[in-house]
Amino acid sequence: MNKYLSECGIASRRKSEELVEQGRISINGKIISDLSVKIDTEKDVVAVDGEKIKFEDRVYFILNKPKGYITSTSDEKDRKTVIELIKTDKKIFPVGRLDYNTTGLLLLTNDGDFSNKMTHPSNRIVREYKATLDKPLEEKDKERLSKGIILDNRKSRFSSMEFKEIKNRKKVNVTTVEGRNHFVKRMFSSLGYNVKNLERIKFGNFQLGKLRPGEYMEIKKKEIEKYIDVKGGKKIGK
């Protein structure tokens, strides 16, 4: 069931499981609780909160997320969401998340399998960020963050760290395969640094390019395979 819901663009597989557990999914008018239930796409009527759903063509977008937008499809506090920036009639959702005031590359889609493959920890998809700190990063701290520190009771590290401006040690590019909440900010904070600005410029093989804040571009389904590789050279996103 969660696979079918993700294929219909309702949510990722994990979020779809939550919808079933919350009793919000029905088949032919009957609420279901079994994730293994089989769907006859020709005959069965599947609904979320009473609203009928149907299979949609897959769409994929790269957005340069500006500050002041929440990475969600809706918000109970009535804050602006990234969905409002994309003009489409498809029911898209964000792939992973960026914090409210974090900017940069955000993928949006209605393809739950694609979202799961991009965010599942086992695929170790690389993210690259530009971080601006409140003070120059000392070499000893750079070395510690590269070799690993304890965060969330386990050893954590940046895959790489690079100063883009030789004389400005407040600005540093970091890469990581971690998708944990606030990971970059918490890594620096653990050594006494405050991240003033954070921008994601790369996610897997997707790059922000020249998109300005609030701008986005659509990637066609047939092009997706060119962008994505997981460890071992295996293609994903088909």
Protein backbone atom coordinates (compact mmCIF):
# COMPACT_ATOMS: atom_id res chain seq x y z
CA MET A 1 0.00 0.00 0.00
CA ASN A 2 2.74 2.47 0.88
CA LYS A 3 4.41 1.76 -2.48
CA TYR A 4 1.15 2.47 -4.33
CA LEU A 5 0.60 5.71 -2.41
CA SER A 6 4.13 6.88 -3.16
CA GLU A 7 3.67 6.03 -6.84
CA CYS A 8 0.52 8.17 -6.84
CA GLY A 9 2.56 11.09 -5.54
CA ILE A 10 0.80 11.26 -2.18
CA ALA A 11 3.97 11.08 -0.08
CA SER A 12 7.19 9.17 0.39
CA ARG A 13 6.88 5.52 1.44
CA ARG A 14 7.63 6.31 5.06
CA LYS A 15 5.08 9.12 5.17
CA SER A 16 2.56 6.89 3.38
CA GLU A 17 2.97 4.29 6.13
CA GLU A 18 2.05 6.97 8.66
CA LEU A 19 -1.10 7.83 6.70
CA VAL A 20 -2.20 4.18 6.85
CA GLU A 21 -1.39 3.93 10.57
CA GLN A 22 -3.42 7.10 11.19
CA GLY A 23 -6.47 5.54 9.54
CA ARG A 24 -6.58 8.12 6.74
CA ILE A 25 -6.52 5.67 3.82
CA SER A 26 -9.57 3.82 2.52
CA ILE A 27 -10.22 1.31 -0.27
CA ASN A 28 -13.72 1.26 -1.71
CA GLY A 29 -14.95 3.24 1.29
CA LYS A 30 -13.37 0.99 3.94
CA ILE A 31 -10.54 2.26 6.16
CA ILE A 32 -7.49 0.00 5.97
CA SER A 33 -4.68 -0.69 8.44
CA ASP A 34 -2.77 -3.42 6.59
CA LEU A 35 0.20 -2.18 4.55
CA SER A 36 0.37 -5.46 2.62
CA VAL A 37 -3.11 -5.15 1.11
CA LYS A 38 -3.20 -5.60 -2.68
CA ILE A 39 -4.62 -2.92 -4.98
CA ASP A 40 -6.50 -3.55 -8.22
CA THR A 41 -5.76 -0.30 -10.03
CA GLU A 42 -8.56 -0.97 -12.54
CA LYS A 43 -11.33 -1.55 -10.00
CA ASP A 44 -10.40 -0.30 -6.53
CA VAL A 45 -11.10 3.25 -5.42
CA VAL A 46 -8.37 4.47 -3.06
CA ALA A 47 -8.89 7.65 -1.05
CA VAL A 48 -6.94 9.81 1.40
CA ASP A 49 -9.14 11.57 3.95
CA GLY A 50 -12.08 10.68 1.73
CA GLU A 51 -10.57 12.23 -1.41
CA LYS A 52 -10.05 9.85 -4.34
CA ILE A 53 -6.48 9.56 -5.61
CA LYS A 54 -5.15 8.47 -8.97
CA PHE A 55 -1.81 7.72 -10.59
CA GLU A 56 0.00 10.79 -11.97
CA ASP A 57 2.83 11.22 -14.44
CA ARG A 58 6.12 11.72 -12.65
CA VAL A 59 7.53 15.24 -12.36
CA TYR A 60 10.85 16.43 -10.92
CA PHE A 61 11.94 19.94 -9.98
CA ILE A 62 15.12 21.61 -8.70
CA LEU A 63 14.33 24.69 -6.60
CA ASN A 64 16.69 27.29 -5.19
CA LYS A 65 14.94 27.57 -1.85
CA PRO A 66 14.98 31.09 -0.39
CA LYS A 67 14.95 31.92 3.31
CA GLY A 68 11.60 32.15 5.05
CA TYR A 69 9.96 29.09 3.50
CA ILE A 70 9.20 25.85 5.29
CA THR A 71 10.07 22.57 3.59
CA SER A 72 6.63 21.00 3.75
CA THR A 73 3.41 20.66 1.76
CA SER A 74 1.47 22.58 4.43
CA ASP A 75 2.04 24.34 7.74
CA GLU A 76 -0.24 24.64 10.77
CA LYS A 77 1.38 27.98 11.64
CA ASP A 78 0.41 29.32 8.21
CA ARG A 79 4.01 29.95 7.17
CA LYS A 80 4.94 30.01 3.50
CA THR A 81 5.83 26.60 2.06
CA VAL A 82 8.18 25.67 -0.78
CA ILE A 83 5.21 24.16 -2.63
CA GLU A 84 3.89 27.69 -3.22
CA LEU A 85 6.96 28.47 -5.35
CA ILE A 86 6.32 25.71 -7.92
CA LYS A 87 3.64 26.13 -10.58
CA THR A 88 2.25 22.65 -11.23
CA ASP A 89 -1.07 20.84 -10.98
CA LYS A 90 0.68 17.72 -9.66
CA LYS A 91 0.72 16.82 -5.95
CA ILE A 92 4.43 17.26 -5.35
CA PHE A 93 6.36 17.09 -2.10
CA PRO A 94 9.93 17.92 -1.00
CA VAL A 95 12.70 15.31 -1.17
CA GLY A 96 14.14 15.53 2.33
CA ARG A 97 14.20 18.95 3.93
CA LEU A 98 16.06 22.21 4.39
CA ASP A 99 15.65 24.30 7.53
CA TYR A 100 13.42 27.39 7.48
CA ASN A 101 16.35 29.79 6.99
CA THR A 102 18.61 27.43 5.04
CA THR A 103 18.76 28.18 1.33
CA GLY A 104 19.74 26.38 -1.83
CA LEU A 105 19.09 23.18 -3.72
CA LEU A 106 15.85 21.40 -2.92
CA LEU A 107 14.31 18.64 -5.01
CA LEU A 108 10.54 18.30 -5.30
CA THR A 109 8.64 15.48 -6.98
CA ASN A 110 5.56 13.26 -6.90
CA ASP A 111 7.73 10.14 -7.23
CA GLY A 112 7.90 8.44 -3.84
CA ASP A 113 10.43 5.82 -4.93
CA PHE A 114 12.79 8.50 -6.22
CA SER A 115 12.44 10.42 -2.95
CA ASN A 116 13.16 7.31 -0.90
CA LYS A 117 16.26 6.45 -2.93
CA MET A 118 17.63 9.99 -2.62
CA THR A 119 17.12 10.17 1.14
CA HIS A 120 17.63 6.61 2.41
CA PRO A 121 20.81 6.50 4.54
CA SER A 122 22.01 3.25 2.94
CA ASN A 123 22.49 5.01 -0.42
CA ARG A 124 24.90 7.54 1.12
CA ILE A 125 23.95 10.36 -1.24
CA VAL A 126 26.41 13.27 -0.93
CA ARG A 127 25.21 16.77 0.00
CA GLU A 128 27.43 19.84 -0.39
CA TYR A 129 26.87 23.06 1.55
CA LYS A 130 28.34 26.56 1.73
CA ALA A 131 28.56 27.58 5.37
CA THR A 132 29.28 31.07 6.70
CA LEU A 133 30.42 31.04 10.33
CA ASP A 134 30.35 33.72 13.01
CA LYS A 135 34.14 33.51 13.42
CA PRO A 136 37.14 32.09 11.55
CA LEU A 137 37.41 28.31 11.68
CA GLU A 138 40.60 27.27 13.45
CA GLU A 139 42.72 24.60 11.78
CA LYS A 140 42.54 22.30 14.80
CA ASP A 141 38.74 22.42 14.70
CA LYS A 142 38.68 21.83 10.94
CA GLU A 143 40.80 18.74 11.54
CA ARG A 144 38.48 17.50 14.29
CA LEU A 145 35.39 17.91 12.11
CA SER A 146 37.13 16.05 9.29
CA LYS A 147 38.36 13.17 11.45
CA GLY A 148 35.15 12.88 13.45
CA ILE A 149 33.48 14.02 16.66
CA ILE A 150 30.74 12.46 18.77
CA LEU A 151 27.27 13.70 17.80
CA ASP A 152 24.04 11.91 18.76
CA ASN A 153 26.16 9.35 20.62
CA ARG A 154 28.04 8.25 17.51
CA LYS A 155 31.10 9.32 15.59
CA SER A 156 30.21 11.91 12.94
CA ARG A 157 32.33 13.73 10.39
CA PHE A 158 32.28 15.83 7.26
CA SER A 159 33.37 13.95 4.14
CA SER A 160 35.37 16.99 3.00
CA MET A 161 35.99 20.61 4.00
CA GLU A 162 37.39 23.38 1.81
CA PHE A 163 37.91 27.12 2.17
CA LYS A 164 36.75 28.85 -1.01
CA GLU A 165 38.46 32.13 -0.11
CA ILE A 166 42.06 31.72 1.08
CA LYS A 167 41.97 34.69 3.47
CA ASN A 168 38.42 34.12 4.72
CA ARG A 169 38.17 31.21 7.13
CA LYS A 170 34.58 32.09 8.02
CA LYS A 171 33.37 30.65 4.72
CA VAL A 172 33.80 26.92 4.23
CA ASN A 173 32.30 24.34 1.89
CA VAL A 174 31.49 20.98 3.46
CA THR A 175 30.21 17.70 2.07
CA THR A 176 28.40 14.98 3.96
CA VAL A 177 26.27 11.91 3.34
CA GLU A 178 24.29 12.64 6.51
CA GLY A 179 20.63 13.60 6.31
CA ARG A 180 20.12 14.10 10.05
CA ASN A 181 18.22 17.21 11.11
CA HIS A 182 20.39 20.32 11.47
CA PHE A 183 23.48 18.13 10.98
CA VAL A 184 25.82 20.79 9.56
CA LYS A 185 24.78 23.43 12.09
CA ARG A 186 25.06 21.04 15.02
CA MET A 187 28.49 19.83 13.94
CA PHE A 188 29.87 23.38 14.00
CA SER A 189 27.91 24.29 17.13
CA SER A 190 29.49 21.39 19.02
CA LEU A 191 32.84 23.18 18.70
CA GLY A 192 31.51 26.64 19.52
CA TYR A 193 30.72 28.00 16.05
CA ASN A 194 27.43 29.55 14.96
CA VAL A 195 26.41 29.05 11.33
CA LYS A 196 25.15 32.45 10.15
CA ASN A 197 24.19 31.31 6.64
CA LEU A 198 23.87 27.86 5.10
CA GLU A 199 23.27 27.09 1.44
CA ARG A 200 23.05 23.66 -0.17
CA ILE A 201 24.64 23.69 -3.62
CA LYS A 202 24.68 19.99 -4.49
CA PHE A 203 22.58 16.90 -3.73
CA GLY A 204 23.87 13.72 -5.35
CA ASN A 205 24.61 14.66 -8.95
CA PHE A 206 22.07 17.49 -8.92
CA GLN A 207 23.63 20.97 -8.78
CA LEU A 208 22.14 24.36 -8.00
CA GLY A 209 23.80 25.99 -10.98
CA LYS A 210 22.72 29.55 -11.76
CA LEU A 211 19.22 29.37 -10.31
CA ARG A 212 18.45 32.45 -8.24
CA PRO A 213 16.53 32.26 -4.93
CA GLY A 214 12.93 31.30 -5.67
CA GLU A 215 13.69 30.08 -9.19
CA TYR A 216 13.26 26.46 -10.24
CA MET A 217 13.65 24.19 -13.24
CA GLU A 218 11.93 20.96 -14.25
CA ILE A 219 13.90 17.84 -15.05
CA LYS A 220 12.26 15.41 -17.44
CA LYS A 221 11.79 11.79 -16.38
CA LYS A 222 14.06 10.51 -19.16
CA GLU A 223 16.89 12.74 -17.90
CA ILE A 224 16.74 11.53 -14.29
CA GLU A 225 18.92 8.46 -14.90
CA LYS A 226 21.79 10.70 -16.06
CA TYR A 227 21.78 12.57 -12.76
CA ILE A 228 21.65 9.79 -10.25
CA ASP A 229 24.10 7.10 -9.19
CA VAL A 230 24.37 5.29 -5.91
CA LYS A 231 27.41 3.53 -4.52
CA GLY A 232 28.78 0.83 -6.76
CA GLY A 233 27.58 2.53 -9.93
CA LYS A 234 24.02 1.22 -9.61
CA LYS A 235 21.49 3.50 -11.28
CA ILE A 236 18.40 4.62 -9.41
CA GLY A 237 15.36 6.71 -10.27
CA LYS A 238 13.87 4.48 -12.99
